[in-house]
């Protein structure tokens, strides 16, 4: 049975007090330069196929894109260490079982032992989000994107949280960055279309 990816969703309610300090601390250099349109930076732990896969993803048809996206995500999930891969699996299994706290423990062990492995921070961000720890989730998304600016799922998660905080224009910009990497990302397309209907995020 193929694992269903754990993702952030648009429907959520985040208390602004938990996000204000963290969103304000996100520098323009990270959001506008490190996550640059068309960036082709290979994550530290990705294999050599990743740039080619990203290009295939950009040019994939709507039919082929989900399969190629899964290939990219699989590439990013390879730590190069059996022990680290086991920690990643245990964390994901705990998250699938609804135990966010146990997942955080596994992902923290992973990030402690593999501090340059972007997917460890990305998955822990999702676990923090599930545990309603939104500040740490944003911190981990920031770290994920500093290590792997092409992680369209992390950018999407960032956009969702920024949108909920009320910065709709920045959220629209982030959704466009997701689509620059993964043009067939259905959730990003839907979110951006919704903002455009409200007059936000239209191309100048």
Foldseek 3Di string as FASTA:
>chain_A
DDDDDQADDLDDAADLVLPVVQVVPDDCCLLDPLLDQPDQDDFPQFDPCQSVLLVCLLVPDLVCNVVSVVVNVVRLLGRVDPVLNVLQVVLVVCVVVVNLVVSLVSLVVSCVVVVRRLVSLQSNLSSCVSVSNNSSSSVSLSSSSNRPSLPLRSLLVVLSVCVSSPPQQSSLVSLVSSCSRRVNPPNSVVSNVVVVVVVHNDDD
